[in-house]
């Protein structure tokens, strides 16, 4: 069976996350790299939920086969270790601060013989916007 890596924070589960997970399942067995608090803290606000709480939520999502901690903002350490056939990500990482990580992922997957699958970004839904809306409420 083919293996698929999907990195996520898992703090706010929204339709965009479900969409990408559904696409991942079509490719094979899904391993979620769940970002640890320390991996997240250097780049954005700390999650609302603890790592263990987020893990409990994500492991109960349909299609998730296993969860591994992602201790780094970069996917590369986990990709090198797990050597998945695919990594799946929203195409929103083509620009901005994520584009460097995207370049590193493409290089790593080429090195290990895997493939990067980009899913069209679910318009209007992301955890940052949801957090801002929450603050306004």
N, C-alpha and C. Protein backbone atom coordinates (compact mmCIF):
# COMPACT_ATOMS: atom_id res chain seq x y z
N UNK A 1 0.85 -1.20 0.00
CA UNK A 1 0.00 0.00 0.00
C UNK A 1 0.88 1.25 0.00
N UNK A 2 0.47 2.24 -0.77
CA UNK A 2 1.18 3.53 -0.83
C UNK A 2 0.95 4.28 0.47
N UNK A 3 1.93 5.13 0.83
CA UNK A 3 1.81 5.92 2.06
C UNK A 3 1.78 7.41 1.72
N UNK A 4 1.01 8.13 2.53
CA UNK A 4 0.81 9.56 2.33
C UNK A 4 1.11 10.30 3.62
N UNK A 5 1.86 11.40 3.53
CA UNK A 5 2.16 12.23 4.70
C UNK A 5 1.36 13.51 4.60
N UNK A 6 0.73 13.87 5.70
CA UNK A 6 -0.04 15.10 5.79
C UNK A 6 0.33 15.80 7.08
N UNK A 7 0.98 16.94 6.99
CA UNK A 7 1.34 17.71 8.17
C UNK A 7 0.21 18.65 8.55
N UNK A 8 -0.04 18.76 9.84
CA UNK A 8 -1.08 19.70 10.28
C UNK A 8 -0.91 20.10 11.74
N UNK A 9 -1.55 21.21 12.07
CA UNK A 9 -1.60 21.68 13.45
C UNK A 9 -2.71 20.94 14.20
N UNK A 10 -3.85 20.77 13.53
CA UNK A 10 -4.96 20.02 14.12
C UNK A 10 -5.68 20.74 15.24
N UNK A 11 -5.52 22.06 15.28
CA UNK A 11 -6.13 22.83 16.36
C UNK A 11 -7.58 23.17 16.05
N UNK A 12 -7.81 23.64 14.85
CA UNK A 12 -9.17 23.96 14.41
C UNK A 12 -9.43 23.09 13.18
N UNK A 13 -10.36 22.17 13.29
CA UNK A 13 -10.69 21.30 12.17
C UNK A 13 -11.81 21.98 11.38
N UNK A 14 -11.53 22.27 10.12
CA UNK A 14 -12.47 22.98 9.26
C UNK A 14 -12.60 22.24 7.93
N UNK A 15 -13.54 22.64 7.07
CA UNK A 15 -13.76 21.93 5.81
C UNK A 15 -12.50 21.79 4.94
N UNK A 16 -11.59 22.73 5.00
CA UNK A 16 -10.36 22.63 4.23
C UNK A 16 -9.52 21.43 4.65
N UNK A 17 -9.45 21.18 5.96
CA UNK A 17 -8.71 20.02 6.49
C UNK A 17 -9.38 18.72 6.04
N UNK A 18 -10.70 18.68 6.13
CA UNK A 18 -11.43 17.48 5.73
C UNK A 18 -11.23 17.22 4.23
N UNK A 19 -11.27 18.25 3.43
CA UNK A 19 -11.07 18.13 1.99
C UNK A 19 -9.71 17.52 1.67
N UNK A 20 -8.66 18.03 2.28
CA UNK A 20 -7.32 17.53 1.99
C UNK A 20 -7.15 16.11 2.51
N UNK A 21 -7.77 15.80 3.63
CA UNK A 21 -7.71 14.44 4.17
C UNK A 21 -8.42 13.46 3.23
N UNK A 22 -9.56 13.86 2.70
CA UNK A 22 -10.28 13.00 1.75
C UNK A 22 -9.43 12.73 0.50
N UNK A 23 -8.71 13.74 0.03
CA UNK A 23 -7.83 13.57 -1.13
C UNK A 23 -6.66 12.65 -0.77
N UNK A 24 -6.15 12.78 0.44
CA UNK A 24 -5.02 11.96 0.89
C UNK A 24 -5.40 10.48 0.93
N UNK A 25 -6.60 10.19 1.42
CA UNK A 25 -7.07 8.82 1.54
C UNK A 25 -7.13 8.13 0.17
N UNK A 26 -7.45 8.90 -0.86
CA UNK A 26 -7.51 8.34 -2.22
C UNK A 26 -6.14 7.85 -2.68
N UNK A 27 -5.07 8.41 -2.12
CA UNK A 27 -3.71 8.08 -2.53
C UNK A 27 -3.12 6.89 -1.77
N UNK A 28 -3.60 6.65 -0.54
CA UNK A 28 -3.05 5.55 0.25
C UNK A 28 -3.29 5.71 1.74
N UNK A 29 -2.42 5.06 2.51
CA UNK A 29 -2.52 5.07 3.97
C UNK A 29 -1.97 6.39 4.50
N UNK A 30 -2.77 7.09 5.29
CA UNK A 30 -2.44 8.45 5.71
C UNK A 30 -1.76 8.49 7.08
N UNK A 31 -0.56 9.06 7.10
CA UNK A 31 0.13 9.38 8.34
C UNK A 31 0.06 10.89 8.51
N UNK A 32 -0.44 11.33 9.65
CA UNK A 32 -0.48 12.76 9.95
C UNK A 32 0.73 13.11 10.80
N UNK A 33 1.49 14.08 10.32
CA UNK A 33 2.56 14.67 11.11
C UNK A 33 1.94 15.81 11.90
N UNK A 34 1.68 15.57 13.18
CA UNK A 34 1.02 16.57 14.01
C UNK A 34 2.07 17.47 14.63
N UNK A 35 2.02 18.75 14.27
CA UNK A 35 3.02 19.69 14.77
C UNK A 35 2.95 19.80 16.29
N UNK A 36 4.10 19.74 16.91
CA UNK A 36 4.17 19.89 18.36
C UNK A 36 4.03 21.38 18.71
N UNK A 37 3.74 21.64 19.98
CA UNK A 37 3.59 23.03 20.42
C UNK A 37 4.86 23.84 20.13
N UNK A 38 6.02 23.24 20.36
CA UNK A 38 7.27 23.97 20.14
C UNK A 38 7.50 24.26 18.66
N UNK A 39 7.07 23.36 17.78
CA UNK A 39 7.20 23.60 16.34
C UNK A 39 6.30 24.75 15.89
N UNK A 40 5.14 24.85 16.51
CA UNK A 40 4.17 25.89 16.14
C UNK A 40 4.55 27.25 16.74
N UNK A 41 4.98 27.24 17.98
CA UNK A 41 5.19 28.48 18.74
C UNK A 41 6.15 29.46 18.07
N UNK A 42 7.13 28.94 17.36
CA UNK A 42 8.10 29.82 16.71
C UNK A 42 7.52 30.56 15.51
N UNK A 43 6.35 30.12 15.02
CA UNK A 43 5.82 30.68 13.78
C UNK A 43 4.44 31.31 13.88
N UNK A 44 3.65 30.88 14.85
CA UNK A 44 2.32 31.46 15.02
C UNK A 44 1.90 31.29 16.47
N UNK A 45 0.70 31.73 16.78
CA UNK A 45 0.22 31.63 18.16
C UNK A 45 0.17 30.17 18.60
N UNK A 46 0.27 29.99 19.90
CA UNK A 46 0.14 28.64 20.43
C UNK A 46 -1.27 28.13 20.18
N UNK A 47 -1.41 26.83 19.95
CA UNK A 47 -2.76 26.28 19.70
C UNK A 47 -3.66 26.43 20.92
N UNK A 48 -4.96 26.39 20.68
CA UNK A 48 -5.93 26.44 21.77
C UNK A 48 -5.87 25.14 22.57
N UNK A 49 -5.63 24.04 21.89
CA UNK A 49 -5.61 22.72 22.51
C UNK A 49 -4.18 22.24 22.71
N UNK A 50 -3.96 21.40 23.70
CA UNK A 50 -2.64 20.82 23.92
C UNK A 50 -2.35 19.80 22.80
N UNK A 51 -1.11 19.37 22.71
CA UNK A 51 -0.74 18.37 21.72
C UNK A 51 -1.59 17.10 21.90
N UNK A 52 -1.73 16.63 23.13
CA UNK A 52 -2.49 15.40 23.39
C UNK A 52 -3.97 15.56 23.01
N UNK A 53 -4.53 16.74 23.27
CA UNK A 53 -5.93 16.98 22.89
C UNK A 53 -6.07 17.00 21.37
N UNK A 54 -5.13 17.67 20.70
CA UNK A 54 -5.17 17.74 19.23
C UNK A 54 -4.99 16.34 18.64
N UNK A 55 -4.10 15.55 19.24
CA UNK A 55 -3.86 14.18 18.78
C UNK A 55 -5.14 13.35 18.89
N UNK A 56 -5.84 13.50 20.00
CA UNK A 56 -7.09 12.76 20.21
C UNK A 56 -8.13 13.13 19.14
N UNK A 57 -8.22 14.40 18.80
CA UNK A 57 -9.16 14.83 17.77
C UNK A 57 -8.76 14.26 16.42
N UNK A 58 -7.50 14.43 16.04
CA UNK A 58 -7.04 14.03 14.70
C UNK A 58 -7.08 12.52 14.51
N UNK A 59 -6.73 11.75 15.55
CA UNK A 59 -6.73 10.30 15.38
C UNK A 59 -8.14 9.75 15.21
N UNK A 60 -9.14 10.56 15.50
CA UNK A 60 -10.53 10.16 15.31
C UNK A 60 -11.13 10.66 14.00
N UNK A 61 -10.33 11.32 13.18
CA UNK A 61 -10.80 11.74 11.87
C UNK A 61 -10.77 10.54 10.93
N UNK A 62 -11.82 10.37 10.16
CA UNK A 62 -11.93 9.26 9.22
C UNK A 62 -10.77 9.32 8.22
N UNK A 63 -10.07 8.19 8.10
CA UNK A 63 -9.00 8.11 7.11
C UNK A 63 -7.59 8.25 7.67
N UNK A 64 -7.46 8.69 8.92
CA UNK A 64 -6.14 8.83 9.52
C UNK A 64 -5.68 7.46 10.05
N UNK A 65 -4.57 6.97 9.52
CA UNK A 65 -4.06 5.65 9.93
C UNK A 65 -3.16 5.75 11.15
N UNK A 66 -2.32 6.78 11.17
CA UNK A 66 -1.45 6.96 12.34
C UNK A 66 -1.01 8.41 12.44
N UNK A 67 -0.53 8.76 13.63
CA UNK A 67 -0.05 10.11 13.90
C UNK A 67 1.37 10.02 14.43
N UNK A 68 2.21 10.90 13.90
CA UNK A 68 3.57 11.02 14.42
C UNK A 68 3.79 12.48 14.78
N UNK A 69 4.59 12.76 15.81
CA UNK A 69 4.87 14.16 16.13
C UNK A 69 5.75 14.78 15.04
N UNK A 70 5.45 16.00 14.70
CA UNK A 70 6.33 16.77 13.82
C UNK A 70 6.94 17.86 14.68
N UNK A 71 8.20 17.65 15.05
CA UNK A 71 8.88 18.52 16.01
C UNK A 71 9.48 19.77 15.39
N UNK A 72 9.39 19.88 14.07
CA UNK A 72 10.00 20.99 13.36
C UNK A 72 8.96 21.62 12.45
N UNK A 73 9.07 22.91 12.21
CA UNK A 73 8.16 23.59 11.29
C UNK A 73 8.31 22.99 9.89
N UNK A 74 9.51 22.55 9.57
CA UNK A 74 9.78 21.91 8.28
C UNK A 74 9.31 20.46 8.29
N UNK A 75 8.77 20.03 7.15
CA UNK A 75 8.34 18.64 7.00
C UNK A 75 9.51 17.70 6.76
N UNK A 76 10.63 18.23 6.32
CA UNK A 76 11.75 17.43 5.82
C UNK A 76 12.27 16.36 6.79
N UNK A 77 12.50 16.67 8.08
CA UNK A 77 12.98 15.62 8.98
C UNK A 77 12.06 14.38 9.00
N UNK A 78 10.74 14.59 9.08
CA UNK A 78 9.80 13.47 9.08
C UNK A 78 9.76 12.77 7.73
N UNK A 79 9.85 13.54 6.65
CA UNK A 79 9.83 12.94 5.31
C UNK A 79 11.04 12.03 5.11
N UNK A 80 12.20 12.49 5.55
CA UNK A 80 13.41 11.66 5.42
C UNK A 80 13.30 10.38 6.23
N UNK A 81 12.72 10.49 7.41
CA UNK A 81 12.59 9.33 8.29
C UNK A 81 11.54 8.35 7.77
N UNK A 82 10.37 8.86 7.37
CA UNK A 82 9.24 8.00 7.00
C UNK A 82 9.25 7.57 5.53
N UNK A 83 9.86 8.38 4.67
CA UNK A 83 9.97 8.09 3.23
C UNK A 83 8.61 7.73 2.60
N UNK A 84 7.61 8.63 2.72
CA UNK A 84 6.30 8.32 2.15
C UNK A 84 6.33 8.37 0.62
N UNK A 85 5.35 7.73 0.00
CA UNK A 85 5.22 7.82 -1.46
C UNK A 85 4.75 9.21 -1.86
N UNK A 86 3.93 9.82 -1.00
CA UNK A 86 3.36 11.14 -1.29
C UNK A 86 3.39 12.02 -0.04
N UNK A 87 3.50 13.33 -0.30
CA UNK A 87 3.13 14.31 0.72
C UNK A 87 2.03 15.13 0.07
N UNK A 88 1.00 15.43 0.83
CA UNK A 88 -0.11 16.21 0.30
C UNK A 88 -0.20 17.52 1.07
N UNK A 89 -0.47 18.60 0.36
CA UNK A 89 -0.53 19.93 0.97
C UNK A 89 -1.45 20.81 0.13
N UNK A 90 -2.07 21.78 0.78
CA UNK A 90 -2.85 22.76 0.05
C UNK A 90 -1.93 23.62 -0.82
N UNK A 91 -2.44 24.09 -1.95
CA UNK A 91 -1.59 24.86 -2.86
C UNK A 91 -1.38 26.31 -2.39
N UNK A 92 -1.84 26.63 -1.19
CA UNK A 92 -1.66 27.97 -0.63
C UNK A 92 -0.22 28.24 -0.20
N UNK A 93 0.66 27.26 -0.29
CA UNK A 93 2.05 27.45 0.14
C UNK A 93 2.97 27.87 -1.01
N UNK A 94 2.39 28.19 -2.16
CA UNK A 94 3.21 28.59 -3.32
C UNK A 94 3.81 29.98 -3.14
N UNK A 95 3.16 30.80 -2.33
CA UNK A 95 3.63 32.18 -2.12
C UNK A 95 3.81 32.44 -0.63
N UNK A 96 4.51 33.53 -0.34
CA UNK A 96 4.66 33.95 1.04
C UNK A 96 5.69 33.13 1.81
N UNK A 97 5.54 33.12 3.13
CA UNK A 97 6.54 32.52 4.01
C UNK A 97 6.65 31.00 3.85
N UNK A 98 5.60 30.36 3.33
CA UNK A 98 5.63 28.90 3.17
C UNK A 98 6.37 28.43 1.92
N UNK A 99 6.64 29.35 0.99
CA UNK A 99 7.23 28.94 -0.28
C UNK A 99 8.62 28.32 -0.11
N UNK A 100 9.37 28.76 0.89
CA UNK A 100 10.70 28.18 1.16
C UNK A 100 10.54 26.72 1.62
N UNK A 101 9.57 26.48 2.49
CA UNK A 101 9.30 25.12 2.96
C UNK A 101 8.86 24.25 1.78
N UNK A 102 8.04 24.81 0.91
CA UNK A 102 7.58 24.09 -0.28
C UNK A 102 8.78 23.64 -1.12
N UNK A 103 9.71 24.56 -1.37
CA UNK A 103 10.91 24.23 -2.15
C UNK A 103 11.70 23.10 -1.50
N UNK A 104 11.85 23.16 -0.18
CA UNK A 104 12.58 22.12 0.56
C UNK A 104 11.87 20.77 0.44
N UNK A 105 10.55 20.78 0.50
CA UNK A 105 9.77 19.55 0.41
C UNK A 105 9.91 18.93 -0.98
N UNK A 106 9.82 19.76 -2.02
CA UNK A 106 9.99 19.24 -3.38
C UNK A 106 11.37 18.60 -3.55
N UNK A 107 12.40 19.25 -3.04
CA UNK A 107 13.76 18.71 -3.15
C UNK A 107 13.88 17.39 -2.39
N UNK A 108 13.33 17.33 -1.19
CA UNK A 108 13.39 16.13 -0.36
C UNK A 108 12.64 14.97 -1.02
N UNK A 109 11.45 15.23 -1.53
CA UNK A 109 10.66 14.16 -2.13
C UNK A 109 11.32 13.64 -3.40
N UNK A 110 11.98 14.52 -4.14
CA UNK A 110 12.71 14.09 -5.33
C UNK A 110 13.85 13.15 -4.90
N UNK A 111 14.53 13.54 -3.82
CA UNK A 111 15.65 12.78 -3.26
C UNK A 111 15.22 11.37 -2.82
N UNK A 112 14.03 11.25 -2.22
CA UNK A 112 13.58 9.94 -1.71
C UNK A 112 12.68 9.20 -2.70
N UNK A 113 12.44 9.81 -3.86
CA UNK A 113 11.63 9.14 -4.88
C UNK A 113 10.14 9.23 -4.66
N UNK A 114 9.70 10.24 -3.94
CA UNK A 114 8.27 10.44 -3.68
C UNK A 114 7.71 11.57 -4.52
N UNK A 115 6.46 11.85 -4.30
CA UNK A 115 5.76 12.85 -5.09
C UNK A 115 5.01 13.83 -4.19
N UNK A 116 5.00 15.10 -4.60
CA UNK A 116 4.24 16.13 -3.90
C UNK A 116 2.89 16.29 -4.60
N UNK A 117 1.82 16.21 -3.84
CA UNK A 117 0.48 16.42 -4.38
C UNK A 117 -0.07 17.70 -3.76
N UNK A 118 -0.45 18.62 -4.62
CA UNK A 118 -1.02 19.89 -4.14
C UNK A 118 -2.51 19.93 -4.44
N UNK A 119 -3.27 20.22 -3.40
CA UNK A 119 -4.72 20.28 -3.50
C UNK A 119 -5.14 21.74 -3.53
N UNK A 120 -6.06 22.10 -4.43
CA UNK A 120 -6.52 23.50 -4.46
C UNK A 120 -7.01 23.94 -3.08
N UNK A 121 -6.53 25.10 -2.67
CA UNK A 121 -6.87 25.69 -1.38
C UNK A 121 -8.37 25.89 -1.28
N UNK A 122 -8.95 25.54 -0.14
CA UNK A 122 -10.37 25.75 0.10
C UNK A 122 -10.59 27.23 0.39
N UNK A 123 -11.16 27.93 -0.56
CA UNK A 123 -11.30 29.38 -0.48
C UNK A 123 -12.09 29.84 0.74
N UNK A 124 -11.57 30.88 1.37
CA UNK A 124 -12.30 31.53 2.45
C UNK A 124 -12.24 30.83 3.79
N UNK A 125 -11.52 29.71 3.86
CA UNK A 125 -11.46 28.99 5.14
C UNK A 125 -10.02 28.71 5.50
N UNK A 126 -9.60 29.27 6.62
CA UNK A 126 -8.30 28.88 7.19
C UNK A 126 -8.33 29.19 8.67
N UNK A 127 -7.45 28.54 9.39
CA UNK A 127 -7.50 28.66 10.85
C UNK A 127 -7.17 30.07 11.32
N UNK A 128 -6.32 30.79 10.58
CA UNK A 128 -5.97 32.16 10.97
C UNK A 128 -7.20 33.06 10.89
N UNK A 129 -7.95 32.96 9.79
CA UNK A 129 -9.17 33.77 9.64
C UNK A 129 -10.21 33.38 10.69
N UNK A 130 -10.34 32.09 10.95
CA UNK A 130 -11.29 31.64 11.97
C UNK A 130 -10.92 32.18 13.35
N UNK A 131 -9.63 32.22 13.65
CA UNK A 131 -9.17 32.75 14.93
C UNK A 131 -9.50 34.24 15.05
N UNK A 132 -9.27 34.97 13.96
CA UNK A 132 -9.60 36.41 13.96
C UNK A 132 -11.09 36.62 14.18
N UNK A 133 -11.93 35.82 13.50
CA UNK A 133 -13.37 35.92 13.69
C UNK A 133 -13.77 35.62 15.12
N UNK A 134 -13.12 34.66 15.72
CA UNK A 134 -13.39 34.29 17.10
C UNK A 134 -13.10 35.46 18.04
N UNK A 135 -11.99 36.17 17.79
CA UNK A 135 -11.62 37.32 18.61
C UNK A 135 -12.68 38.41 18.52
N UNK A 136 -13.23 38.59 17.32
CA UNK A 136 -14.25 39.64 17.12
C UNK A 136 -15.55 39.28 17.83
N UNK A 137 -15.84 37.99 17.93
CA UNK A 137 -17.05 37.58 18.65
C UNK A 137 -16.92 37.92 20.12
